[in-house]
Amino acid sequence: MNLITVFGIVALSFMMLMYALERRHPFFVLAFAAGCALSSVYGFLSGAWPFGIVEVIWCLIAVARYRDQPRAVSSSP
């Protein structure tokens, strides 16, 4: 197993884990975007450029979802 394959397994596993945890905290949506970016890098490094492009698009969608999420407003006494 070469280094690019190991990187891809780690990147895709991270991305899937962050996707599964998205409902727990807004941070996980941003982490999912990072996982998509890492998966995109893997796609381009492995020569699967269509996969790399799709993952870039998913990364942008996840960043937009993170940006558009309502933030909890802390109230001061």
N, C-alpha and C. Protein backbone atom coordinates (compact mmCIF):
# COMPACT_ATOMS: atom_id res chain seq x y z
N MET A 1 0.85 -1.17 0.00
CA MET A 1 0.00 0.00 0.00
C MET A 1 0.90 1.24 0.00
N ASN A 2 0.70 2.12 -0.96
CA ASN A 2 1.57 3.29 -1.04
C ASN A 2 1.06 4.43 -0.15
N LEU A 3 1.87 5.46 -0.02
CA LEU A 3 1.57 6.57 0.88
C LEU A 3 0.33 7.34 0.46
N ILE A 4 0.11 7.51 -0.83
CA ILE A 4 -1.07 8.23 -1.31
C ILE A 4 -2.34 7.48 -0.93
N THR A 5 -2.32 6.16 -1.02
CA THR A 5 -3.48 5.35 -0.64
C THR A 5 -3.77 5.48 0.84
N VAL A 6 -2.74 5.45 1.67
CA VAL A 6 -2.91 5.60 3.11
C VAL A 6 -3.48 6.98 3.41
N PHE A 7 -2.95 8.01 2.76
CA PHE A 7 -3.47 9.37 2.93
C PHE A 7 -4.95 9.42 2.56
N GLY A 8 -5.32 8.78 1.47
CA GLY A 8 -6.71 8.77 1.03
C GLY A 8 -7.62 8.07 2.02
N ILE A 9 -7.18 6.96 2.57
CA ILE A 9 -7.98 6.24 3.56
C ILE A 9 -8.19 7.10 4.80
N VAL A 10 -7.14 7.76 5.26
CA VAL A 10 -7.25 8.62 6.44
C VAL A 10 -8.16 9.82 6.14
N ALA A 11 -7.96 10.46 4.99
CA ALA A 11 -8.77 11.63 4.64
C ALA A 11 -10.25 11.28 4.51
N LEU A 12 -10.56 10.21 3.82
CA LEU A 12 -11.96 9.82 3.63
C LEU A 12 -12.59 9.36 4.94
N SER A 13 -11.83 8.66 5.77
CA SER A 13 -12.35 8.23 7.07
C SER A 13 -12.65 9.44 7.96
N PHE A 14 -11.75 10.42 7.96
CA PHE A 14 -11.96 11.65 8.72
C PHE A 14 -13.20 12.37 8.21
N MET A 15 -13.32 12.49 6.90
CA MET A 15 -14.47 13.19 6.31
C MET A 15 -15.78 12.51 6.72
N MET A 16 -15.85 11.19 6.64
CA MET A 16 -17.07 10.47 7.00
C MET A 16 -17.39 10.61 8.49
N LEU A 17 -16.37 10.57 9.34
CA LEU A 17 -16.59 10.73 10.77
C LEU A 17 -17.14 12.12 11.09
N MET A 18 -16.58 13.14 10.46
CA MET A 18 -17.06 14.50 10.70
C MET A 18 -18.49 14.67 10.19
N TYR A 19 -18.81 14.03 9.08
CA TYR A 19 -20.17 14.08 8.56
C TYR A 19 -21.14 13.45 9.56
N ALA A 20 -20.75 12.34 10.15
CA ALA A 20 -21.60 11.66 11.12
C ALA A 20 -21.80 12.51 12.39
N LEU A 21 -20.85 13.36 12.71
CA LEU A 21 -20.92 14.17 13.94
C LEU A 21 -21.48 15.57 13.71
N GLU A 22 -21.86 15.92 12.49
CA GLU A 22 -22.28 17.29 12.16
C GLU A 22 -23.39 17.83 13.04
N ARG A 23 -24.33 17.00 13.45
CA ARG A 23 -25.47 17.48 14.24
C ARG A 23 -25.10 17.81 15.68
N ARG A 24 -23.92 17.40 16.11
CA ARG A 24 -23.53 17.63 17.50
C ARG A 24 -23.05 19.04 17.77
N HIS A 25 -22.38 19.66 16.78
CA HIS A 25 -21.82 21.00 17.00
C HIS A 25 -21.46 21.59 15.63
N PRO A 26 -21.63 22.91 15.46
CA PRO A 26 -21.27 23.54 14.18
C PRO A 26 -19.82 23.33 13.77
N PHE A 27 -18.95 23.13 14.75
CA PHE A 27 -17.54 22.90 14.44
C PHE A 27 -17.36 21.70 13.51
N PHE A 28 -18.20 20.67 13.68
CA PHE A 28 -18.06 19.46 12.88
C PHE A 28 -18.41 19.70 11.41
N VAL A 29 -19.24 20.71 11.14
CA VAL A 29 -19.52 21.06 9.74
C VAL A 29 -18.26 21.63 9.11
N LEU A 30 -17.57 22.49 9.84
CA LEU A 30 -16.31 23.05 9.35
C LEU A 30 -15.24 21.97 9.23
N ALA A 31 -15.22 21.05 10.18
CA ALA A 31 -14.27 19.93 10.10
C ALA A 31 -14.59 19.03 8.90
N PHE A 32 -15.88 18.86 8.60
CA PHE A 32 -16.27 18.10 7.41
C PHE A 32 -15.74 18.79 6.15
N ALA A 33 -15.81 20.12 6.11
CA ALA A 33 -15.27 20.87 4.98
C ALA A 33 -13.77 20.61 4.84
N ALA A 34 -13.06 20.57 5.96
CA ALA A 34 -11.63 20.27 5.92
C ALA A 34 -11.39 18.86 5.40
N GLY A 35 -12.23 17.92 5.83
CA GLY A 35 -12.12 16.55 5.34
C GLY A 35 -12.35 16.47 3.84
N CYS A 36 -13.31 17.25 3.35
CA CYS A 36 -13.56 17.29 1.91
C CYS A 36 -12.35 17.85 1.17
N ALA A 37 -11.73 18.88 1.74
CA ALA A 37 -10.54 19.45 1.12
C ALA A 37 -9.41 18.43 1.07
N LEU A 38 -9.22 17.69 2.16
CA LEU A 38 -8.18 16.65 2.18
C LEU A 38 -8.49 15.55 1.17
N SER A 39 -9.76 15.18 1.07
CA SER A 39 -10.16 14.16 0.11
C SER A 39 -9.96 14.65 -1.32
N SER A 40 -10.16 15.94 -1.54
CA SER A 40 -9.92 16.52 -2.85
C SER A 40 -8.43 16.43 -3.22
N VAL A 41 -7.59 16.74 -2.26
CA VAL A 41 -6.14 16.63 -2.49
C VAL A 41 -5.79 15.19 -2.86
N TYR A 42 -6.38 14.25 -2.13
CA TYR A 42 -6.15 12.84 -2.45
C TYR A 42 -6.60 12.53 -3.88
N GLY A 43 -7.76 13.02 -4.27
CA GLY A 43 -8.25 12.76 -5.62
C GLY A 43 -7.28 13.26 -6.68
N PHE A 44 -6.79 14.47 -6.50
CA PHE A 44 -5.85 15.02 -7.49
C PHE A 44 -4.51 14.27 -7.46
N LEU A 45 -4.02 13.93 -6.27
CA LEU A 45 -2.75 13.20 -6.18
C LEU A 45 -2.83 11.81 -6.79
N SER A 46 -3.99 11.19 -6.67
CA SER A 46 -4.13 9.83 -7.19
C SER A 46 -4.50 9.80 -8.67
N GLY A 47 -4.72 10.98 -9.26
CA GLY A 47 -5.05 11.05 -10.67
C GLY A 47 -6.54 10.97 -10.97
N ALA A 48 -7.36 10.95 -9.92
CA ALA A 48 -8.81 10.90 -10.10
C ALA A 48 -9.35 12.32 -10.01
N TRP A 49 -9.01 13.15 -11.01
CA TRP A 49 -9.36 14.56 -10.95
C TRP A 49 -10.87 14.82 -10.88
N PRO A 50 -11.75 14.01 -11.49
CA PRO A 50 -13.19 14.28 -11.28
C PRO A 50 -13.58 14.17 -9.80
N PHE A 51 -13.03 13.19 -9.10
CA PHE A 51 -13.27 13.06 -7.67
C PHE A 51 -12.75 14.29 -6.93
N GLY A 52 -11.58 14.75 -7.31
CA GLY A 52 -11.01 15.95 -6.69
C GLY A 52 -11.88 17.17 -6.87
N ILE A 53 -12.45 17.33 -8.05
CA ILE A 53 -13.33 18.48 -8.32
C ILE A 53 -14.61 18.38 -7.50
N VAL A 54 -15.21 17.20 -7.45
CA VAL A 54 -16.44 17.02 -6.67
C VAL A 54 -16.19 17.31 -5.20
N GLU A 55 -15.06 16.89 -4.68
CA GLU A 55 -14.76 17.14 -3.28
C GLU A 55 -14.52 18.62 -3.00
N VAL A 56 -13.96 19.35 -3.96
CA VAL A 56 -13.82 20.80 -3.80
C VAL A 56 -15.20 21.44 -3.70
N ILE A 57 -16.11 20.99 -4.54
CA ILE A 57 -17.48 21.52 -4.50
C ILE A 57 -18.14 21.21 -3.15
N TRP A 58 -17.99 19.98 -2.66
CA TRP A 58 -18.54 19.63 -1.35
C TRP A 58 -17.91 20.47 -0.25
N CYS A 59 -16.64 20.77 -0.37
CA CYS A 59 -15.96 21.61 0.61
C CYS A 59 -16.59 23.01 0.64
N LEU A 60 -16.82 23.57 -0.53
CA LEU A 60 -17.43 24.90 -0.61
C LEU A 60 -18.86 24.90 -0.05
N ILE A 61 -19.61 23.84 -0.33
CA ILE A 61 -20.97 23.73 0.20
C ILE A 61 -20.93 23.65 1.73
N ALA A 62 -20.02 22.86 2.27
CA ALA A 62 -19.92 22.73 3.73
C ALA A 62 -19.50 24.04 4.39
N VAL A 63 -18.58 24.77 3.77
CA VAL A 63 -18.18 26.06 4.32
C VAL A 63 -19.37 27.02 4.31
N ALA A 64 -20.15 27.02 3.25
CA ALA A 64 -21.34 27.87 3.18
C ALA A 64 -22.36 27.47 4.24
N ARG A 65 -22.53 26.16 4.46
CA ARG A 65 -23.45 25.70 5.50
C ARG A 65 -22.98 26.15 6.87
N TYR A 66 -21.68 26.07 7.12
CA TYR A 66 -21.13 26.52 8.39
C TYR A 66 -21.35 28.02 8.58
N ARG A 67 -21.09 28.76 7.54
CA ARG A 67 -21.22 30.22 7.59
C ARG A 67 -22.67 30.64 7.82
N ASP A 68 -23.62 29.89 7.27
CA ASP A 68 -25.03 30.26 7.35
C ASP A 68 -25.74 29.73 8.59
N GLN A 69 -25.04 28.95 9.42
CA GLN A 69 -25.67 28.42 10.62
C GLN A 69 -25.87 29.53 11.64
N PRO A 70 -27.04 29.51 12.30
CA PRO A 70 -27.25 30.51 13.35
C PRO A 70 -26.28 30.28 14.51
N ARG A 71 -25.78 31.33 15.05
CA ARG A 71 -24.84 31.24 16.17
C ARG A 71 -25.61 31.46 17.46
N ALA A 72 -25.20 30.75 18.48
CA ALA A 72 -25.80 30.96 19.80
C ALA A 72 -25.35 32.31 20.34
N VAL A 73 -26.30 33.08 20.82
CA VAL A 73 -25.99 34.39 21.35
C VAL A 73 -25.88 34.27 22.87
N SER A 74 -24.73 34.67 23.37
CA SER A 74 -24.55 34.60 24.82
C SER A 74 -25.13 35.85 25.44
N SER A 75 -25.86 35.67 26.49
CA SER A 75 -26.47 36.82 27.16
C SER A 75 -25.64 37.18 28.38
N SER A 76 -25.41 38.46 28.53
CA SER A 76 -24.64 38.95 29.67
C SER A 76 -25.62 39.38 30.76
N PRO A 77 -25.31 39.10 32.01
CA PRO A 77 -26.23 39.52 33.10
C PRO A 77 -26.21 40.99 33.34
